[in-house]
Amino acid sequence: MNKKTIISCFAVLTLSVAFAGQAFSQQKEKGDDEQSSGQFGHPPGTWDAVVKDGIVNIQFYARHWSNGRNFTTAELGTLPAEKVGTFGLTRESGKLTFKGVFQDHWGHGTYTFEQNAAFKSYLEQKGYSKLDGELMLAVFFTDINKGFFDFMKDNGYPSISNDQFKDLAEQNLSRRVLEEYFALFKAEGYGHQSIDKLVELREHGVTPKYIASIHQMGYKGFSLDKALELRDHGVTAEYIASLKKMGDANVTLDQAQDLRDHGVTTEYVASLKKLGYPNMTLDKAQELRDHGVTVDFINSMQKLGYKDITLDKAQSLRDHGVTADFIKSINDLGFKNISLEKAEELRNHGVTASYIKKMKTKGIKLETLDDFIKLRDTGFND
């Protein structure tokens, strides 16, 4: 008989349309599924789901984790609509039974998982240990069965350690997902990769689709480690495409990564061009970002009347701490139409609006900003 592991069931939840709307949009490059840990504000043993294009994305909630997986409607059979009903899915590792309801493609309810004791015994005989309920549920989600091990052996993995087995299950490295990796490795000349490398790629969201998308942008021959680096730094094919549209058709992967790290975006460059800098280059945009020159900073200067401020001057002002508020505070003391060079000079010498006000309260009456600079340079501050 099968050993039954019941995950606590609670009353059916009221489904949040906000969640349902995000269920597909939040799918990462990792693949079909999403896994994370922590408390999620849902009682354990409950689920939320959204149905789209024949795929049911189900988010499972347990005591210490939340796990999202995709199933086809064919796998799950008839889904209960309008009123509460049951449906399920049986695999070699066990049976998952759902209770709940779907309305307008959104679903919610409770679930239980029943392990297949015979299959668990088979895994133990192969040397796998610590097969708790959570791991067995991951094995079920990944659809690891007896044939899975023959498949791995046929692809050059005759031995799978206990830790590797756990990683394969928890990262949803199913036969279908692995086939996609193997096909990519063969087609692109990556050769045979270790299980640990497969797990690392999966953990970091480096899917075959991700690598193929970079290849399609014209970048061939980069290593899997480079793919990991690019993914970790948020470089996507879409981002590279945006860089090319901004004027650098020959941007390298290293440049794209560097630009991404420095926060250079399409919006940033486009906004600067709109402010009157049509010849903006990606290198200059990166330099400006490094020095903290924002669109708001330049816009604030232009609003003060410095319409012809150059990007180099904006960068210099930012480096010296000259802001629109600083200039305005000097203007408010009666010193109008000061040049940006003079504003920078004042800042460099420590002549601020508060310093000028302090000197005036002491009865020191000076006519020009140069006089205040000379006074400040003497060290007079009291």
Protein backbone atom coordinates (compact mmCIF):
# COMPACT_ATOMS: atom_id res chain seq x y z
CA MET A 1 0.00 0.00 0.00
CA ASN A 2 1.05 3.57 -0.56
CA LYS A 3 2.22 5.52 2.45
CA LYS A 4 0.09 8.61 2.73
CA THR A 5 1.63 11.92 3.65
CA ILE A 6 -1.04 14.50 4.20
CA ILE A 7 -0.07 18.17 3.94
CA SER A 8 -2.38 20.17 6.17
CA CYS A 9 -5.56 21.35 4.53
CA PHE A 10 -7.33 24.55 5.35
CA ALA A 11 -10.46 26.32 4.25
CA VAL A 12 -10.56 27.46 0.65
CA LEU A 13 -9.04 30.89 0.17
CA THR A 14 -10.59 33.85 -1.54
CA LEU A 15 -8.54 34.21 -4.71
CA SER A 16 -6.78 37.47 -5.38
CA VAL A 17 -7.12 38.58 -8.98
CA ALA A 18 -3.88 40.53 -8.48
CA PHE A 19 -2.02 37.27 -7.87
CA ALA A 20 -3.60 35.59 -10.82
CA GLY A 21 -2.62 38.41 -13.11
CA GLN A 22 0.98 38.05 -11.99
CA ALA A 23 1.21 34.29 -12.12
CA PHE A 24 2.43 34.24 -15.69
CA SER A 25 4.03 37.68 -15.88
CA GLN A 26 6.41 36.80 -13.06
CA GLN A 27 7.80 33.71 -14.80
CA LYS A 28 11.54 34.21 -14.97
CA GLU A 29 14.03 32.94 -17.51
CA LYS A 30 14.48 30.04 -15.12
CA GLY A 31 11.75 28.29 -17.03
CA ASP A 32 8.18 27.25 -16.44
CA ASP A 33 8.45 27.11 -12.71
CA GLU A 34 9.23 29.25 -9.74
CA GLN A 35 10.44 28.18 -6.32
CA SER A 36 11.21 30.17 -3.22
CA SER A 37 11.09 29.94 0.54
CA GLY A 38 9.58 31.86 3.40
CA GLN A 39 6.12 32.73 4.67
CA PHE A 40 3.69 34.01 2.05
CA GLY A 41 0.57 34.86 3.97
CA HIS A 42 -1.17 31.68 2.82
CA PRO A 43 -1.99 28.68 5.04
CA PRO A 44 0.05 25.56 4.19
CA GLY A 45 -1.66 22.99 2.00
CA THR A 46 -3.37 25.64 -0.17
CA TRP A 47 -2.95 26.66 -3.80
CA ASP A 48 -3.77 29.45 -6.23
CA ALA A 49 -3.84 29.01 -9.98
CA VAL A 50 -4.34 30.67 -13.34
CA VAL A 51 -5.16 28.95 -16.62
CA LYS A 52 -3.78 30.30 -19.88
CA ASP A 53 -3.33 28.72 -23.31
CA GLY A 54 -3.84 25.19 -22.04
CA ILE A 55 -1.34 25.63 -19.18
CA VAL A 56 -2.31 25.69 -15.52
CA ASN A 57 0.17 27.61 -13.39
CA ILE A 58 -0.33 26.49 -9.80
CA GLN A 59 1.33 28.14 -6.83
CA PHE A 60 1.58 25.73 -3.91
CA TYR A 61 1.92 26.90 -0.32
CA ALA A 62 3.48 24.86 2.49
CA ARG A 63 4.69 25.77 5.94
CA HIS A 64 8.13 27.02 4.93
CA TRP A 65 8.04 27.37 1.16
CA SER A 66 6.06 28.38 -1.86
CA ASN A 67 6.47 26.54 -5.14
CA GLY A 68 5.03 27.37 -8.54
CA ARG A 69 4.69 24.71 -11.24
CA ASN A 70 3.05 24.45 -14.63
CA PHE A 71 0.80 21.58 -15.73
CA THR A 72 -1.17 21.03 -18.89
CA THR A 73 -4.93 20.90 -18.69
CA ALA A 74 -4.67 17.45 -20.29
CA GLU A 75 -2.62 16.23 -17.31
CA LEU A 76 -5.08 17.53 -14.74
CA GLY A 77 -8.29 16.55 -16.54
CA THR A 78 -11.56 18.37 -16.06
CA LEU A 79 -11.18 21.32 -13.71
CA PRO A 80 -14.11 22.09 -11.38
CA ALA A 81 -15.85 25.26 -12.47
CA GLU A 82 -18.30 27.44 -10.55
CA LYS A 83 -18.53 25.04 -7.59
CA VAL A 84 -16.00 23.23 -5.43
CA GLY A 85 -14.81 19.89 -6.78
CA THR A 86 -11.78 17.62 -6.88
CA PHE A 87 -9.18 16.73 -9.51
CA GLY A 88 -5.74 15.22 -9.39
CA LEU A 89 -2.57 13.95 -10.99
CA THR A 90 -0.89 10.58 -10.51
CA ARG A 91 2.76 9.91 -11.26
CA GLU A 92 5.15 7.11 -10.41
CA SER A 93 6.29 8.94 -7.27
CA GLY A 94 2.82 9.57 -5.88
CA LYS A 95 -0.54 11.23 -6.24
CA LEU A 96 -1.54 14.87 -5.89
CA THR A 97 -5.17 15.56 -5.08
CA PHE A 98 -6.72 19.00 -5.37
CA LYS A 99 -9.93 20.36 -3.94
CA GLY A 100 -11.13 23.75 -5.08
CA VAL A 101 -12.83 25.76 -7.78
CA PHE A 102 -12.02 27.71 -10.96
CA GLN A 103 -13.82 30.84 -12.06
CA ASP A 104 -12.88 32.85 -15.14
CA HIS A 105 -9.54 31.03 -15.42
CA TRP A 106 -8.59 31.71 -11.79
CA GLY A 107 -8.55 28.88 -9.27
CA HIS A 108 -7.87 28.28 -5.59
CA GLY A 109 -8.27 25.59 -2.98
CA THR A 110 -6.41 22.98 -0.96
CA TYR A 111 -4.22 20.01 -1.85
CA THR A 112 -2.83 16.77 -0.41
CA PHE A 113 0.12 14.70 -1.57
CA GLU A 114 0.26 10.92 -1.22
CA GLN A 115 3.68 9.35 -1.68
CA ASN A 116 4.13 6.07 -3.51
CA ALA A 117 5.81 3.96 -0.81
CA ALA A 118 7.09 1.44 -3.36
CA PHE A 119 8.84 4.15 -5.39
CA LYS A 120 10.32 5.70 -2.26
CA SER A 121 11.67 2.27 -1.34
CA TYR A 122 13.16 2.00 -4.84
CA LEU A 123 14.98 5.31 -4.32
CA GLU A 124 16.27 4.18 -0.93
CA GLN A 125 17.59 0.98 -2.51
CA LYS A 126 19.50 3.13 -4.99
CA GLY A 127 21.19 4.79 -2.01
CA TYR A 128 19.17 7.99 -1.67
CA SER A 129 18.42 9.16 1.86
CA LYS A 130 16.61 11.93 3.73
CA LEU A 131 13.58 11.49 1.49
CA ASP A 132 11.23 13.61 3.55
CA GLY A 133 7.79 14.71 2.40
CA GLU A 134 9.07 17.99 0.97
CA LEU A 135 11.72 16.29 -1.17
CA MET A 136 9.29 13.62 -2.35
CA LEU A 137 6.89 16.35 -3.44
CA ALA A 138 9.76 17.93 -5.42
CA VAL A 139 10.45 14.53 -6.97
CA PHE A 140 6.78 14.39 -7.95
CA PHE A 141 6.80 17.89 -9.42
CA THR A 142 9.92 17.08 -11.46
CA ASP A 143 8.39 13.75 -12.49
CA ILE A 144 11.45 11.71 -11.55
CA ASN A 145 10.64 8.07 -12.19
CA LYS A 146 12.57 4.84 -12.81
CA GLY A 147 12.98 5.70 -16.47
CA PHE A 148 14.58 9.00 -15.48
CA PHE A 149 17.71 7.22 -14.28
CA ASP A 150 18.00 5.25 -17.55
CA PHE A 151 17.64 8.55 -19.41
CA MET A 152 20.44 10.10 -17.36
CA LYS A 153 22.69 7.08 -17.89
CA ASP A 154 22.10 7.20 -21.65
CA ASN A 155 23.22 10.84 -21.61
CA GLY A 156 26.44 10.20 -19.75
CA TYR A 157 25.38 10.35 -16.12
CA PRO A 158 25.61 6.78 -14.79
CA SER A 159 25.99 7.92 -11.19
CA ILE A 160 24.00 10.59 -9.36
CA SER A 161 24.95 11.48 -5.80
CA ASN A 162 22.44 12.09 -3.04
CA ASP A 163 23.04 15.86 -3.14
CA GLN A 164 22.78 15.90 -6.94
CA PHE A 165 19.53 13.94 -6.82
CA LYS A 166 18.11 16.48 -4.37
CA ASP A 167 19.26 19.38 -6.57
CA LEU A 168 17.76 17.85 -9.71
CA ALA A 169 14.41 17.50 -7.97
CA GLU A 170 14.38 20.90 -6.28
CA GLN A 171 15.47 22.75 -9.43
CA ASN A 172 12.83 20.96 -11.52
CA LEU A 173 15.45 19.54 -13.86
CA SER A 174 12.94 17.20 -15.43
CA ARG A 175 13.60 15.03 -18.45
CA ARG A 176 12.02 17.65 -20.70
CA VAL A 177 14.17 20.46 -19.30
CA LEU A 178 17.34 18.37 -19.46
CA GLU A 179 16.62 17.41 -23.07
CA GLU A 180 16.55 21.13 -23.91
CA TYR A 181 19.94 21.63 -22.25
CA PHE A 182 21.45 18.58 -23.94
CA ALA A 183 20.20 19.71 -27.34
CA LEU A 184 21.69 23.17 -26.76
CA PHE A 185 25.05 21.77 -25.62
CA LYS A 186 25.25 19.59 -28.72
CA ALA A 187 24.13 22.24 -31.18
CA GLU A 188 26.35 25.00 -29.78
CA GLY A 189 29.43 22.92 -29.00
CA TYR A 190 29.35 23.16 -25.22
CA GLY A 191 30.05 19.46 -24.88
CA HIS A 192 29.18 17.26 -21.93
CA GLN A 193 28.48 19.22 -18.77
CA SER A 194 28.44 17.99 -15.19
CA ILE A 195 25.24 17.71 -13.17
CA ASP A 196 26.60 20.42 -10.89
CA LYS A 197 26.95 22.78 -13.86
CA LEU A 198 23.41 21.98 -14.99
CA VAL A 199 22.11 22.77 -11.52
CA GLU A 200 24.12 26.00 -11.41
CA LEU A 201 22.74 27.12 -14.77
CA ARG A 202 19.20 26.35 -13.66
CA GLU A 203 19.62 28.11 -10.29
CA HIS A 204 20.83 31.28 -11.99
CA GLY A 205 18.11 31.29 -14.62
CA VAL A 206 20.41 30.45 -17.51
CA THR A 207 17.98 28.44 -19.59
CA PRO A 208 18.52 27.14 -23.13
CA LYS A 209 16.05 29.80 -24.22
CA TYR A 210 18.16 32.51 -22.55
CA ILE A 211 21.39 31.35 -24.21
CA ALA A 212 19.67 30.95 -27.58
CA SER A 213 18.28 34.50 -27.32
CA ILE A 214 21.81 35.89 -26.86
CA HIS A 215 23.05 33.78 -29.78
CA GLN A 216 20.27 35.18 -31.94
CA MET A 217 21.58 38.66 -31.23
CA GLY A 218 24.77 37.65 -33.05
CA TYR A 219 26.95 36.59 -30.13
CA LYS A 220 28.46 33.13 -30.57
CA GLY A 221 31.18 31.26 -28.82
CA PHE A 222 30.78 32.63 -25.30
CA SER A 223 31.21 30.20 -22.43
CA LEU A 224 28.54 28.95 -20.07
CA ASP A 225 30.35 30.78 -17.29
CA LYS A 226 29.97 33.98 -19.29
CA ALA A 227 26.27 33.22 -19.71
CA LEU A 228 26.01 32.88 -15.93
CA GLU A 229 27.82 36.17 -15.47
CA LEU A 230 25.57 37.97 -17.95
CA ARG A 231 22.41 36.58 -16.34
CA ASP A 232 23.57 37.51 -12.85
CA HIS A 233 24.16 41.07 -14.04
CA GLY A 234 20.72 41.32 -15.65
CA VAL A 235 21.88 41.34 -19.27
CA THR A 236 19.13 40.01 -21.52
CA ALA A 237 18.66 39.88 -25.28
CA GLU A 238 16.07 42.62 -24.91
CA TYR A 239 18.58 44.83 -23.12
CA ILE A 240 21.24 44.24 -25.78
CA ALA A 241 18.69 45.04 -28.50
CA SER A 242 17.89 48.32 -26.74
CA LEU A 243 21.60 49.22 -26.69
CA LYS A 244 21.90 48.56 -30.40
CA LYS A 245 18.92 50.80 -31.09
CA MET A 246 20.57 53.55 -29.06
CA GLY A 247 23.36 53.71 -31.61
CA ASP A 248 25.97 51.05 -30.89
CA ALA A 249 25.38 48.17 -33.28
CA ASN A 250 28.72 46.61 -32.32
CA VAL A 251 28.29 46.59 -28.56
CA THR A 252 30.15 43.66 -26.98
CA LEU A 253 28.84 41.42 -24.24
CA ASP A 254 31.38 42.88 -21.82
CA GLN A 255 30.22 46.40 -22.69
CA ALA A 256 26.59 45.42 -22.29
CA GLN A 257 27.36 43.98 -18.87
CA ASP A 258 29.29 47.08 -17.86
CA LEU A 259 26.51 49.39 -19.05
CA ARG A 260 23.91 47.31 -17.18
CA ASP A 261 25.97 47.48 -14.00
CA HIS A 262 26.11 51.26 -14.26
CA GLY A 263 22.38 51.65 -14.80
CA VAL A 264 22.46 52.84 -18.41
CA THR A 265 18.98 52.28 -19.79
CA THR A 266 17.08 53.18 -22.92
CA GLU A 267 14.97 55.58 -20.90
CA TYR A 268 18.04 57.36 -19.49
CA VAL A 269 19.65 57.91 -22.90
CA ALA A 270 16.37 58.88 -24.57
CA SER A 271 15.61 61.41 -21.82
CA LEU A 272 19.02 63.05 -22.21
CA LYS A 273 18.57 63.27 -25.97
CA LYS A 274 15.20 64.89 -25.41
CA LEU A 275 16.84 67.50 -23.17
CA GLY A 276 19.01 68.61 -26.08
CA TYR A 277 21.87 66.14 -26.36
CA PRO A 278 21.16 64.23 -29.60
CA ASN A 279 24.71 62.93 -30.00
CA MET A 280 24.70 61.05 -26.71
CA THR A 281 26.91 57.94 -26.82
CA LEU A 282 26.67 54.88 -24.59
CA ASP A 283 30.16 55.53 -23.21
CA LYS A 284 29.19 59.07 -22.27
CA ALA A 285 25.95 57.87 -20.73
CA GLN A 286 27.91 55.43 -18.56
CA GLU A 287 30.34 58.17 -17.54
CA LEU A 288 27.47 60.46 -16.58
CA ARG A 289 25.77 57.72 -14.56
CA ASP A 290 29.03 57.02 -12.73
CA HIS A 291 29.21 60.67 -11.69
CA GLY A 292 25.59 60.79 -10.57
CA VAL A 293 24.35 63.01 -13.38
CA THR A 294 20.65 62.29 -13.59
CA VAL A 295 18.03 63.57 -15.98
CA ASP A 296 16.47 65.48 -13.07
CA PHE A 297 19.80 67.13 -12.30
CA ILE A 298 20.24 68.49 -15.83
CA ASN A 299 16.57 69.43 -16.05
CA SER A 300 16.83 71.40 -12.79
CA MET A 301 19.81 73.33 -14.16
CA GLN A 302 18.01 74.11 -17.40
CA LYS A 303 14.99 75.37 -15.47
CA LEU A 304 17.26 77.81 -13.62
CA GLY A 305 18.17 79.29 -17.00
CA TYR A 306 21.26 77.34 -17.92
CA LYS A 307 19.82 76.08 -21.18
CA ASP A 308 23.19 75.56 -22.84
CA ILE A 309 24.79 73.55 -20.04
CA THR A 310 27.12 70.93 -21.52
CA LEU A 311 27.26 67.37 -20.31
CA ASP A 312 30.88 67.82 -19.26
CA LYS A 313 29.93 70.87 -17.22
CA ALA A 314 27.00 69.00 -15.65
CA GLN A 315 29.41 66.23 -14.69
CA SER A 316 31.89 68.71 -13.22
CA LEU A 317 29.16 70.46 -11.22
CA ARG A 318 27.93 67.13 -9.86
CA ASP A 319 31.46 66.18 -8.84
CA HIS A 320 31.83 69.45 -6.93
CA GLY A 321 28.44 69.26 -5.23
CA VAL A 322 26.82 72.12 -7.11
CA THR A 323 23.07 71.62 -7.31
CA ALA A 324 20.18 73.75 -8.50
CA ASP A 325 19.20 74.30 -4.87
CA PHE A 326 22.71 75.56 -4.08
CA ILE A 327 22.60 78.09 -6.93
CA LYS A 328 19.07 79.15 -6.03
CA SER A 329 20.10 79.77 -2.41
CA ILE A 330 22.81 82.15 -3.64
CA ASN A 331 20.36 83.84 -6.03
CA ASP A 332 17.94 84.41 -3.16
CA LEU A 333 20.60 86.51 -1.41
CA GLY A 334 20.60 88.96 -4.30
CA PHE A 335 23.38 87.52 -6.41
CA LYS A 336 21.61 86.92 -9.70
CA ASN A 337 22.76 85.44 -12.98
CA ILE A 338 25.88 83.85 -11.60
CA SER A 339 27.77 81.64 -14.02
CA LEU A 340 28.12 77.90 -13.52
CA GLU A 341 31.86 78.42 -13.23
CA LYS A 342 31.30 80.90 -10.40
CA ALA A 343 28.87 78.52 -8.68
CA GLU A 344 31.51 75.80 -8.84
CA GLU A 345 34.15 78.18 -7.49
CA LEU A 346 31.91 79.14 -4.56
CA ARG A 347 31.34 75.48 -3.70
CA ASN A 348 35.04 74.70 -3.94
CA HIS A 349 35.88 77.49 -1.50
CA GLY A 350 33.10 76.63 0.93
CA VAL A 351 31.11 79.79 0.31
CA THR A 352 27.50 78.79 0.88
CA ALA A 353 24.32 80.79 1.45
CA SER A 354 24.52 80.01 5.16
CA TYR A 355 28.11 81.30 5.28
CA ILE A 356 27.13 84.57 3.57
CA LYS A 357 24.18 85.02 5.95
CA LYS A 358 26.41 84.36 8.94
CA MET A 359 28.92 86.98 7.82
CA LYS A 360 26.16 89.55 7.32
CA THR A 361 24.82 88.99 10.84
CA LYS A 362 28.32 89.86 12.08
CA GLY A 363 28.13 93.19 10.28
CA ILE A 364 30.48 92.23 7.47
CA LYS A 365 29.20 93.95 4.37
CA LEU A 366 30.78 92.72 1.16
CA GLU A 367 29.58 93.60 -2.29
CA THR A 368 30.70 90.72 -4.47
CA LEU A 369 30.92 86.95 -4.31
CA ASP A 370 34.65 87.24 -4.99
CA ASP A 371 34.95 89.23 -1.77
CA PHE A 372 33.26 86.42 0.16
CA ILE A 373 35.58 83.88 -1.49
CA LYS A 374 38.63 85.93 -0.38
CA LEU A 375 37.22 86.20 3.14
CA ARG A 376 36.58 82.45 3.31
CA ASP A 377 40.09 81.75 2.07
CA THR A 378 41.53 83.73 4.97
CA GLY A 379 39.94 81.21 7.30
CA PHE A 380 37.53 83.69 8.78
CA ASN A 381 34.53 81.71 9.91
CA ASP A 382 33.57 83.15 13.28
